[in-house]
Amino acid sequence: MESTLNNSDRLIERSYNDYHQTILNYITYRINHKYDAEDLAQDVFIRLIDYKLMLKEETIKYFLFTIARNIVIDYIRRYYKKQEITSYMYDHAVTYSNETEQNFYAKELLSLEKAKLQSFPTQRRTVYILNRFNDKSAADIAEELNLSKRTVENHLMIGRKVMRTYIKQCV
């Protein structure tokens, strides 16, 4: 048994010297990542050690390429699974952070808008609030406040213009 182990060890050593570069080239071509390919090529020979009692001089080259092919397939599966998971996490994280960010900015702009409303003349402020926050039309506001529709439209036009200018300065 001792001589079998020594013969197997020598066969693995010769195989490493003869085929390491070929296996490395094969893996590098398949995955296109030099450093990962070097690690995987080492894994091929480590896995070969697990089968050293079954090794034969005539079949070792084919056995090495079978191991290399299986290692590459496993690597590619893990790589794409990782990409899929990363993409999924990124898409959901970005969506979540964008919603959070958008909500923050919307609340901030709303508070700026309400603060600016305090500087409006009373009638303009009332018209603006009824239109903007209560979704009332100019005709409805005119009727409710007993004003002409044209007066309400003028208050809305001036109020919106002032507010747009103010918000642009804030942003």
N, C-alpha and C. Protein backbone atom coordinates (compact mmCIF):
# COMPACT_ATOMS: atom_id res chain seq x y z
N MET A 1 0.83 -1.19 0.00
CA MET A 1 0.00 0.00 0.00
C MET A 1 0.87 1.25 0.00
N GLU A 2 1.98 1.20 0.69
CA GLU A 2 2.91 2.32 0.75
C GLU A 2 3.38 2.72 -0.64
N SER A 3 3.69 1.74 -1.48
CA SER A 3 4.18 2.05 -2.82
C SER A 3 3.06 2.63 -3.69
N THR A 4 1.80 2.22 -3.45
CA THR A 4 0.67 2.76 -4.18
C THR A 4 0.50 4.24 -3.86
N LEU A 5 0.60 4.58 -2.60
CA LEU A 5 0.49 5.99 -2.21
C LEU A 5 1.62 6.81 -2.81
N ASN A 6 2.83 6.26 -2.79
CA ASN A 6 3.96 6.99 -3.36
C ASN A 6 3.79 7.17 -4.85
N ASN A 7 3.32 6.12 -5.54
CA ASN A 7 3.09 6.23 -6.98
C ASN A 7 2.00 7.26 -7.25
N SER A 8 0.93 7.25 -6.46
CA SER A 8 -0.15 8.22 -6.63
C SER A 8 0.34 9.63 -6.36
N ASP A 9 1.14 9.79 -5.32
CA ASP A 9 1.68 11.11 -5.00
C ASP A 9 2.57 11.62 -6.13
N ARG A 10 3.40 10.73 -6.67
CA ARG A 10 4.28 11.13 -7.78
C ARG A 10 3.45 11.46 -9.03
N LEU A 11 2.40 10.70 -9.25
CA LEU A 11 1.53 10.94 -10.41
C LEU A 11 0.85 12.31 -10.27
N ILE A 12 0.40 12.64 -9.09
CA ILE A 12 -0.22 13.96 -8.85
C ILE A 12 0.82 15.06 -9.04
N GLU A 13 2.01 14.84 -8.52
CA GLU A 13 3.07 15.84 -8.67
C GLU A 13 3.42 16.06 -10.14
N ARG A 14 3.57 14.97 -10.92
CA ARG A 14 3.86 15.10 -12.35
C ARG A 14 2.70 15.78 -13.08
N SER A 15 1.50 15.42 -12.69
CA SER A 15 0.32 16.03 -13.32
C SER A 15 0.29 17.52 -13.06
N TYR A 16 0.62 17.90 -11.85
CA TYR A 16 0.64 19.33 -11.52
C TYR A 16 1.67 20.04 -12.39
N ASN A 17 2.86 19.47 -12.49
CA ASN A 17 3.92 20.09 -13.29
C ASN A 17 3.56 20.12 -14.77
N ASP A 18 2.93 19.05 -15.25
CA ASP A 18 2.62 18.95 -16.69
C ASP A 18 1.39 19.75 -17.10
N TYR A 19 0.36 19.76 -16.24
CA TYR A 19 -0.94 20.28 -16.67
C TYR A 19 -1.43 21.54 -15.94
N HIS A 20 -0.71 22.00 -14.95
CA HIS A 20 -1.20 23.16 -14.19
C HIS A 20 -1.47 24.36 -15.08
N GLN A 21 -0.52 24.70 -15.93
CA GLN A 21 -0.69 25.87 -16.79
C GLN A 21 -1.82 25.67 -17.79
N THR A 22 -1.97 24.47 -18.30
CA THR A 22 -3.04 24.17 -19.25
C THR A 22 -4.40 24.30 -18.57
N ILE A 23 -4.50 23.75 -17.37
CA ILE A 23 -5.75 23.83 -16.59
C ILE A 23 -6.04 25.29 -16.26
N LEU A 24 -5.03 26.03 -15.86
CA LEU A 24 -5.19 27.45 -15.54
C LEU A 24 -5.69 28.22 -16.76
N ASN A 25 -5.11 27.96 -17.91
CA ASN A 25 -5.55 28.63 -19.15
C ASN A 25 -7.00 28.28 -19.48
N TYR A 26 -7.33 27.01 -19.33
CA TYR A 26 -8.70 26.55 -19.59
C TYR A 26 -9.70 27.30 -18.70
N ILE A 27 -9.40 27.36 -17.42
CA ILE A 27 -10.31 28.01 -16.47
C ILE A 27 -10.37 29.52 -16.72
N THR A 28 -9.22 30.13 -16.96
CA THR A 28 -9.18 31.58 -17.22
C THR A 28 -10.01 31.92 -18.45
N TYR A 29 -9.91 31.10 -19.48
CA TYR A 29 -10.69 31.33 -20.69
C TYR A 29 -12.19 31.24 -20.40
N ARG A 30 -12.56 30.32 -19.53
CA ARG A 30 -13.98 30.10 -19.24
C ARG A 30 -14.58 31.20 -18.36
N ILE A 31 -13.84 31.66 -17.36
CA ILE A 31 -14.45 32.61 -16.41
C ILE A 31 -13.95 34.04 -16.57
N ASN A 32 -12.82 34.22 -17.23
CA ASN A 32 -12.30 35.56 -17.52
C ASN A 32 -11.99 36.39 -16.28
N HIS A 33 -11.59 35.72 -15.20
CA HIS A 33 -11.13 36.39 -13.98
C HIS A 33 -9.83 35.72 -13.55
N LYS A 34 -8.73 36.40 -13.76
CA LYS A 34 -7.41 35.79 -13.56
C LYS A 34 -7.22 35.24 -12.14
N TYR A 35 -7.50 36.04 -11.13
CA TYR A 35 -7.22 35.62 -9.76
C TYR A 35 -8.16 34.49 -9.31
N ASP A 36 -9.41 34.57 -9.70
CA ASP A 36 -10.33 33.48 -9.38
C ASP A 36 -9.91 32.21 -10.11
N ALA A 37 -9.44 32.35 -11.34
CA ALA A 37 -8.99 31.19 -12.12
C ALA A 37 -7.80 30.51 -11.44
N GLU A 38 -6.89 31.30 -10.88
CA GLU A 38 -5.75 30.71 -10.17
C GLU A 38 -6.22 29.90 -8.96
N ASP A 39 -7.16 30.45 -8.23
CA ASP A 39 -7.71 29.72 -7.08
C ASP A 39 -8.40 28.44 -7.52
N LEU A 40 -9.18 28.53 -8.59
CA LEU A 40 -9.91 27.36 -9.06
C LEU A 40 -8.95 26.29 -9.59
N ALA A 41 -7.87 26.70 -10.24
CA ALA A 41 -6.89 25.73 -10.73
C ALA A 41 -6.27 24.98 -9.56
N GLN A 42 -6.00 25.68 -8.47
CA GLN A 42 -5.48 25.01 -7.27
C GLN A 42 -6.52 24.03 -6.72
N ASP A 43 -7.78 24.45 -6.77
CA ASP A 43 -8.86 23.57 -6.28
C ASP A 43 -8.94 22.28 -7.10
N VAL A 44 -8.65 22.37 -8.39
CA VAL A 44 -8.67 21.17 -9.24
C VAL A 44 -7.68 20.15 -8.69
N PHE A 45 -6.47 20.58 -8.38
CA PHE A 45 -5.44 19.65 -7.92
C PHE A 45 -5.69 19.20 -6.48
N ILE A 46 -6.31 20.04 -5.69
CA ILE A 46 -6.69 19.62 -4.34
C ILE A 46 -7.75 18.53 -4.42
N ARG A 47 -8.71 18.73 -5.31
CA ARG A 47 -9.75 17.72 -5.48
C ARG A 47 -9.17 16.43 -6.06
N LEU A 48 -8.14 16.56 -6.87
CA LEU A 48 -7.48 15.39 -7.44
C LEU A 48 -6.89 14.51 -6.34
N ILE A 49 -6.41 15.13 -5.29
CA ILE A 49 -5.84 14.37 -4.17
C ILE A 49 -6.89 13.45 -3.54
N ASP A 50 -8.15 13.88 -3.53
CA ASP A 50 -9.22 13.05 -2.97
C ASP A 50 -9.39 11.74 -3.75
N TYR A 51 -8.98 11.72 -5.00
CA TYR A 51 -9.16 10.54 -5.85
C TYR A 51 -7.85 9.82 -6.13
N LYS A 52 -6.83 10.07 -5.33
CA LYS A 52 -5.51 9.56 -5.68
C LYS A 52 -5.42 8.04 -5.76
N LEU A 53 -6.27 7.31 -5.08
CA LEU A 53 -6.23 5.86 -5.16
C LEU A 53 -6.81 5.34 -6.48
N MET A 54 -7.58 6.17 -7.16
CA MET A 54 -8.22 5.75 -8.41
C MET A 54 -7.44 6.23 -9.65
N LEU A 55 -6.40 6.98 -9.47
CA LEU A 55 -5.70 7.62 -10.59
C LEU A 55 -4.86 6.63 -11.39
N LYS A 56 -4.86 6.85 -12.71
CA LYS A 56 -4.02 6.07 -13.62
C LYS A 56 -3.35 7.05 -14.57
N GLU A 57 -2.16 6.72 -14.95
CA GLU A 57 -1.35 7.57 -15.84
C GLU A 57 -2.10 7.91 -17.13
N GLU A 58 -2.82 6.93 -17.71
CA GLU A 58 -3.47 7.14 -19.00
C GLU A 58 -4.70 8.04 -18.91
N THR A 59 -5.34 8.09 -17.77
CA THR A 59 -6.61 8.82 -17.68
C THR A 59 -6.54 10.10 -16.86
N ILE A 60 -5.42 10.40 -16.28
CA ILE A 60 -5.34 11.54 -15.35
C ILE A 60 -5.62 12.88 -16.06
N LYS A 61 -5.15 13.03 -17.28
CA LYS A 61 -5.37 14.28 -18.01
C LYS A 61 -6.87 14.53 -18.19
N TYR A 62 -7.62 13.50 -18.60
CA TYR A 62 -9.05 13.64 -18.81
C TYR A 62 -9.78 13.87 -17.48
N PHE A 63 -9.27 13.21 -16.46
CA PHE A 63 -9.85 13.37 -15.13
C PHE A 63 -9.67 14.81 -14.64
N LEU A 64 -8.49 15.38 -14.89
CA LEU A 64 -8.23 16.78 -14.51
C LEU A 64 -9.20 17.74 -15.21
N PHE A 65 -9.40 17.54 -16.49
CA PHE A 65 -10.31 18.43 -17.22
C PHE A 65 -11.76 18.24 -16.80
N THR A 66 -12.13 17.03 -16.42
CA THR A 66 -13.48 16.79 -15.90
C THR A 66 -13.68 17.55 -14.59
N ILE A 67 -12.68 17.44 -13.71
CA ILE A 67 -12.74 18.18 -12.43
C ILE A 67 -12.78 19.68 -12.71
N ALA A 68 -11.92 20.15 -13.61
CA ALA A 68 -11.87 21.59 -13.93
C ALA A 68 -13.21 22.07 -14.48
N ARG A 69 -13.79 21.28 -15.40
CA ARG A 69 -15.09 21.66 -15.97
C ARG A 69 -16.16 21.76 -14.88
N ASN A 70 -16.20 20.79 -13.97
CA ASN A 70 -17.18 20.81 -12.89
C ASN A 70 -16.97 21.99 -11.94
N ILE A 71 -15.73 22.29 -11.66
CA ILE A 71 -15.43 23.44 -10.79
C ILE A 71 -15.85 24.74 -11.47
N VAL A 72 -15.59 24.85 -12.77
CA VAL A 72 -15.99 26.06 -13.51
C VAL A 72 -17.50 26.20 -13.53
N ILE A 73 -18.21 25.10 -13.77
CA ILE A 73 -19.68 25.15 -13.78
C ILE A 73 -20.20 25.59 -12.42
N ASP A 74 -19.65 25.03 -11.35
CA ASP A 74 -20.06 25.44 -10.00
C ASP A 74 -19.78 26.92 -9.76
N TYR A 75 -18.61 27.35 -10.20
CA TYR A 75 -18.23 28.76 -10.04
C TYR A 75 -19.22 29.67 -10.78
N ILE A 76 -19.53 29.33 -12.02
CA ILE A 76 -20.43 30.16 -12.83
C ILE A 76 -21.82 30.18 -12.22
N ARG A 77 -22.30 29.06 -11.74
CA ARG A 77 -23.61 29.02 -11.07
C ARG A 77 -23.62 29.94 -9.85
N ARG A 78 -22.60 29.83 -9.03
CA ARG A 78 -22.51 30.70 -7.84
C ARG A 78 -22.42 32.17 -8.25
N TYR A 79 -21.64 32.46 -9.29
CA TYR A 79 -21.45 33.83 -9.76
C TYR A 79 -22.79 34.44 -10.19
N TYR A 80 -23.54 33.71 -11.03
CA TYR A 80 -24.81 34.25 -11.51
C TYR A 80 -25.86 34.31 -10.40
N LYS A 81 -25.83 33.37 -9.49
CA LYS A 81 -26.76 33.41 -8.35
C LYS A 81 -26.45 34.64 -7.50
N LYS A 82 -25.18 34.88 -7.29
CA LYS A 82 -24.76 36.06 -6.52
C LYS A 82 -25.18 37.34 -7.22
N GLN A 83 -25.00 37.39 -8.56
CA GLN A 83 -25.41 38.56 -9.34
C GLN A 83 -26.92 38.77 -9.22
N GLU A 84 -27.67 37.68 -9.29
CA GLU A 84 -29.12 37.76 -9.21
C GLU A 84 -29.55 38.29 -7.85
N ILE A 85 -28.95 37.77 -6.80
CA ILE A 85 -29.29 38.21 -5.44
C ILE A 85 -28.88 39.66 -5.24
N THR A 86 -27.68 40.00 -5.70
CA THR A 86 -27.20 41.38 -5.55
C THR A 86 -28.10 42.34 -6.31
N SER A 87 -28.48 41.97 -7.52
CA SER A 87 -29.35 42.81 -8.33
C SER A 87 -30.71 42.99 -7.65
N TYR A 88 -31.26 41.91 -7.14
CA TYR A 88 -32.55 41.96 -6.45
C TYR A 88 -32.45 42.89 -5.23
N MET A 89 -31.39 42.70 -4.44
CA MET A 89 -31.23 43.53 -3.24
C MET A 89 -31.04 44.99 -3.61
N TYR A 90 -30.24 45.25 -4.65
CA TYR A 90 -29.99 46.63 -5.07
C TYR A 90 -31.29 47.28 -5.55
N ASP A 91 -32.02 46.55 -6.40
CA ASP A 91 -33.28 47.11 -6.92
C ASP A 91 -34.23 47.46 -5.79
N HIS A 92 -34.36 46.59 -4.82
CA HIS A 92 -35.29 46.85 -3.73
C HIS A 92 -34.74 47.90 -2.76
N ALA A 93 -33.45 47.88 -2.54
CA ALA A 93 -32.85 48.89 -1.65
C ALA A 93 -32.96 50.27 -2.28
N VAL A 94 -32.68 50.36 -3.57
CA VAL A 94 -32.75 51.65 -4.26
C VAL A 94 -34.19 52.16 -4.26
N THR A 95 -35.13 51.28 -4.55
CA THR A 95 -36.54 51.68 -4.55
C THR A 95 -36.93 52.17 -3.18
N TYR A 96 -36.54 51.42 -2.16
CA TYR A 96 -36.89 51.80 -0.80
C TYR A 96 -36.25 53.13 -0.43
N SER A 97 -34.95 53.29 -0.72
CA SER A 97 -34.29 54.53 -0.34
C SER A 97 -34.82 55.70 -1.16
N ASN A 98 -35.15 55.45 -2.44
CA ASN A 98 -35.70 56.52 -3.26
C ASN A 98 -37.06 56.96 -2.72
N GLU A 99 -37.90 56.00 -2.32
CA GLU A 99 -39.19 56.36 -1.75
C GLU A 99 -39.01 57.14 -0.46
N THR A 100 -38.11 56.68 0.37
CA THR A 100 -37.85 57.36 1.63
C THR A 100 -37.33 58.76 1.38
N GLU A 101 -36.40 58.87 0.46
CA GLU A 101 -35.83 60.16 0.11
C GLU A 101 -36.90 61.08 -0.47
N GLN A 102 -37.71 60.55 -1.37
CA GLN A 102 -38.76 61.35 -1.99
C GLN A 102 -39.77 61.82 -0.94
N ASN A 103 -40.12 60.93 -0.03
CA ASN A 103 -41.06 61.32 1.02
C ASN A 103 -40.47 62.42 1.90
N PHE A 104 -39.19 62.30 2.20
CA PHE A 104 -38.53 63.32 3.01
C PHE A 104 -38.57 64.67 2.31
N TYR A 105 -38.19 64.68 1.01
CA TYR A 105 -38.17 65.94 0.26
C TYR A 105 -39.58 66.51 0.09
N ALA A 106 -40.55 65.64 -0.13
CA ALA A 106 -41.93 66.11 -0.28
C ALA A 106 -42.41 66.78 1.01
N LYS A 107 -42.11 66.16 2.15
CA LYS A 107 -42.51 66.76 3.43
C LYS A 107 -41.78 68.08 3.68
N GLU A 108 -40.52 68.10 3.32
CA GLU A 108 -39.72 69.31 3.49
C GLU A 108 -40.27 70.44 2.62
N LEU A 109 -40.58 70.14 1.36
CA LEU A 109 -41.14 71.16 0.47
C LEU A 109 -42.52 71.63 0.94
N LEU A 110 -43.30 70.70 1.45
CA LEU A 110 -44.62 71.06 1.96
C LEU A 110 -44.50 72.00 3.16
N SER A 111 -43.56 71.73 4.04
CA SER A 111 -43.40 72.63 5.19
C SER A 111 -42.89 74.01 4.75
N LEU A 112 -42.01 74.04 3.73
CA LEU A 112 -41.55 75.32 3.19
C LEU A 112 -42.71 76.08 2.56
N GLU A 113 -43.56 75.35 1.82
CA GLU A 113 -44.71 75.97 1.18
C GLU A 113 -45.66 76.57 2.23
N LYS A 114 -45.92 75.81 3.28
CA LYS A 114 -46.83 76.30 4.33
C LYS A 114 -46.23 77.50 5.07
N ALA A 115 -44.92 77.47 5.25
CA ALA A 115 -44.27 78.62 5.91
C ALA A 115 -44.37 79.86 5.03
N LYS A 116 -44.17 79.69 3.73
CA LYS A 116 -44.25 80.83 2.81
C LYS A 116 -45.68 81.38 2.73
N LEU A 117 -46.66 80.49 2.86
CA LEU A 117 -48.07 80.92 2.82
C LEU A 117 -48.37 81.97 3.89
N GLN A 118 -47.67 81.93 5.00
CA GLN A 118 -47.92 82.87 6.08
C GLN A 118 -47.60 84.31 5.68
N SER A 119 -46.74 84.45 4.65
CA SER A 119 -46.40 85.80 4.19
C SER A 119 -47.39 86.34 3.15
N PHE A 120 -48.32 85.50 2.68
CA PHE A 120 -49.31 85.93 1.70
C PHE A 120 -50.36 86.81 2.37
N PRO A 121 -50.92 87.75 1.60
CA PRO A 121 -52.07 88.50 2.12
C PRO A 121 -53.20 87.50 2.45
N THR A 122 -54.05 87.84 3.39
CA THR A 122 -55.08 86.93 3.90
C THR A 122 -55.95 86.34 2.81
N GLN A 123 -56.47 87.18 1.94
CA GLN A 123 -57.37 86.68 0.90
C GLN A 123 -56.63 85.75 -0.08
N ARG A 124 -55.42 86.11 -0.48
CA ARG A 124 -54.63 85.27 -1.39
C ARG A 124 -54.30 83.93 -0.73
N ARG A 125 -53.93 83.98 0.55
CA ARG A 125 -53.62 82.75 1.30
C ARG A 125 -54.84 81.83 1.33
N THR A 126 -56.01 82.39 1.62
CA THR A 126 -57.24 81.59 1.69
C THR A 126 -57.55 80.95 0.34
N VAL A 127 -57.45 81.73 -0.73
CA VAL A 127 -57.71 81.22 -2.08
C VAL A 127 -56.72 80.10 -2.42
N TYR A 128 -55.45 80.34 -2.12
CA TYR A 128 -54.40 79.36 -2.43
C TYR A 128 -54.64 78.05 -1.66
N ILE A 129 -54.93 78.15 -0.39
CA ILE A 129 -55.17 76.96 0.45
C ILE A 129 -56.39 76.18 -0.04
N LEU A 130 -57.47 76.89 -0.35
CA LEU A 130 -58.67 76.21 -0.84
C LEU A 130 -58.40 75.46 -2.15
N ASN A 131 -57.62 76.07 -3.01
CA ASN A 131 -57.30 75.43 -4.29
C ASN A 131 -56.28 74.30 -4.12
N ARG A 132 -55.21 74.59 -3.45
CA ARG A 132 -54.08 73.64 -3.35
C ARG A 132 -54.37 72.47 -2.43
N PHE A 133 -54.92 72.73 -1.27
CA PHE A 133 -55.07 71.68 -0.27
C PHE A 133 -56.49 71.12 -0.18
N ASN A 134 -57.47 71.85 -0.66
CA ASN A 134 -58.86 71.37 -0.62
C ASN A 134 -59.39 71.02 -2.01
N ASP A 135 -58.54 71.15 -3.02
CA ASP A 135 -58.88 70.79 -4.40
C ASP A 135 -60.15 71.47 -4.92
N LYS A 136 -60.33 72.72 -4.57
CA LYS A 136 -61.51 73.44 -5.06
C LYS A 136 -61.13 74.23 -6.30
N SER A 137 -62.07 74.31 -7.22
CA SER A 137 -61.84 75.05 -8.46
C SER A 137 -62.00 76.55 -8.19
N ALA A 138 -61.55 77.34 -9.15
CA ALA A 138 -61.67 78.80 -9.03
C ALA A 138 -63.13 79.20 -8.90
N ALA A 139 -64.02 78.55 -9.64
CA ALA A 139 -65.45 78.88 -9.59
C ALA A 139 -66.02 78.56 -8.20
N ASP A 140 -65.64 77.41 -7.63
CA ASP A 140 -66.13 77.04 -6.30
C ASP A 140 -65.62 78.02 -5.23
N ILE A 141 -64.34 78.40 -5.35
CA ILE A 141 -63.77 79.34 -4.38
C ILE A 141 -64.46 80.70 -4.49
N ALA A 142 -64.68 81.14 -5.72
CA ALA A 142 -65.35 82.43 -5.94
C ALA A 142 -66.73 82.44 -5.29
N GLU A 143 -67.45 81.36 -5.47
CA GLU A 143 -68.78 81.27 -4.88
C GLU A 143 -68.72 81.23 -3.35
N GLU A 144 -67.77 80.45 -2.81
CA GLU A 144 -67.66 80.30 -1.36
C GLU A 144 -67.23 81.60 -0.68
N LEU A 145 -66.30 82.34 -1.30
CA LEU A 145 -65.79 83.57 -0.69
C LEU A 145 -66.53 84.82 -1.17
N ASN A 146 -67.49 84.61 -2.05
CA ASN A 146 -68.28 85.71 -2.58
C ASN A 146 -67.38 86.73 -3.30
N LEU A 147 -66.53 86.17 -4.18
CA LEU A 147 -65.62 86.98 -5.00
C LEU A 147 -65.91 86.66 -6.47
N SER A 148 -65.38 87.53 -7.35
CA SER A 148 -65.53 87.22 -8.77
C SER A 148 -64.53 86.11 -9.13
N LYS A 149 -64.88 85.33 -10.14
CA LYS A 149 -64.01 84.24 -10.57
C LYS A 149 -62.67 84.80 -11.03
N ARG A 150 -62.71 85.94 -11.70
CA ARG A 150 -61.49 86.58 -12.19
C ARG A 150 -60.56 86.98 -11.04
N THR A 151 -61.10 87.47 -9.95
CA THR A 151 -60.29 87.84 -8.77
C THR A 151 -59.61 86.60 -8.20
N VAL A 152 -60.37 85.51 -8.08
CA VAL A 152 -59.80 84.25 -7.57
C VAL A 152 -58.68 83.77 -8.49
N GLU A 153 -58.90 83.82 -9.80
CA GLU A 153 -57.87 83.39 -10.76
C GLU A 153 -56.62 84.24 -10.64
N ASN A 154 -56.77 85.55 -10.44
CA ASN A 154 -55.62 86.44 -10.26
C ASN A 154 -54.85 86.09 -8.98
N HIS A 155 -55.58 85.86 -7.88
CA HIS A 155 -54.92 85.46 -6.63
C HIS A 155 -54.16 84.14 -6.81
N LEU A 156 -54.77 83.18 -7.51
CA LEU A 156 -54.11 81.90 -7.75
C LEU A 156 -52.86 82.08 -8.62
N MET A 157 -52.98 82.89 -9.68
CA MET A 157 -51.85 83.11 -10.57
C MET A 157 -50.68 83.75 -9.82
N ILE A 158 -50.96 84.80 -9.07
CA ILE A 158 -49.89 85.49 -8.33
C ILE A 158 -49.34 84.58 -7.23
N GLY A 159 -50.22 83.91 -6.51
CA GLY A 159 -49.78 83.01 -5.43
C GLY A 159 -48.90 81.88 -5.95
N ARG A 160 -49.29 81.26 -7.05
CA ARG A 160 -48.48 80.18 -7.63
C ARG A 160 -47.14 80.68 -8.12
N LYS A 161 -47.14 81.88 -8.74
CA LYS A 161 -45.90 82.45 -9.24
C LYS A 161 -44.93 82.73 -8.10
N VAL A 162 -45.43 83.33 -7.03
CA VAL A 162 -44.60 83.63 -5.86
C VAL A 162 -44.07 82.32 -5.25
N MET A 163 -44.94 81.32 -5.14
CA MET A 163 -44.55 80.04 -4.54
C MET A 163 -43.51 79.32 -5.38
N ARG A 164 -43.68 79.31 -6.72
CA ARG A 164 -42.69 78.67 -7.60
C ARG A 164 -41.33 79.34 -7.46
N THR A 165 -41.32 80.65 -7.45
CA THR A 165 -40.06 81.38 -7.30
C THR A 165 -39.39 81.03 -5.98
N TYR A 166 -40.18 80.99 -4.93
CA TYR A 166 -39.66 80.68 -3.59
C TYR A 166 -39.11 79.24 -3.54
N ILE A 167 -39.85 78.28 -4.05
CA ILE A 167 -39.44 76.88 -4.02
C ILE A 167 -38.18 76.68 -4.85
N LYS A 168 -38.08 77.37 -6.01
CA LYS A 168 -36.89 77.26 -6.83
C LYS A 168 -35.66 77.74 -6.06
N GLN A 169 -35.83 78.81 -5.28
CA GLN A 169 -34.72 79.32 -4.48
C GLN A 169 -34.31 78.32 -3.40
N CYS A 170 -35.28 77.59 -2.88
CA CYS A 170 -35.01 76.62 -1.80
C CYS A 170 -34.32 75.37 -2.35
N VAL A 171 -34.69 75.01 -3.55
CA VAL A 171 -34.13 73.78 -4.15
C VAL A 171 -32.83 74.14 -4.79
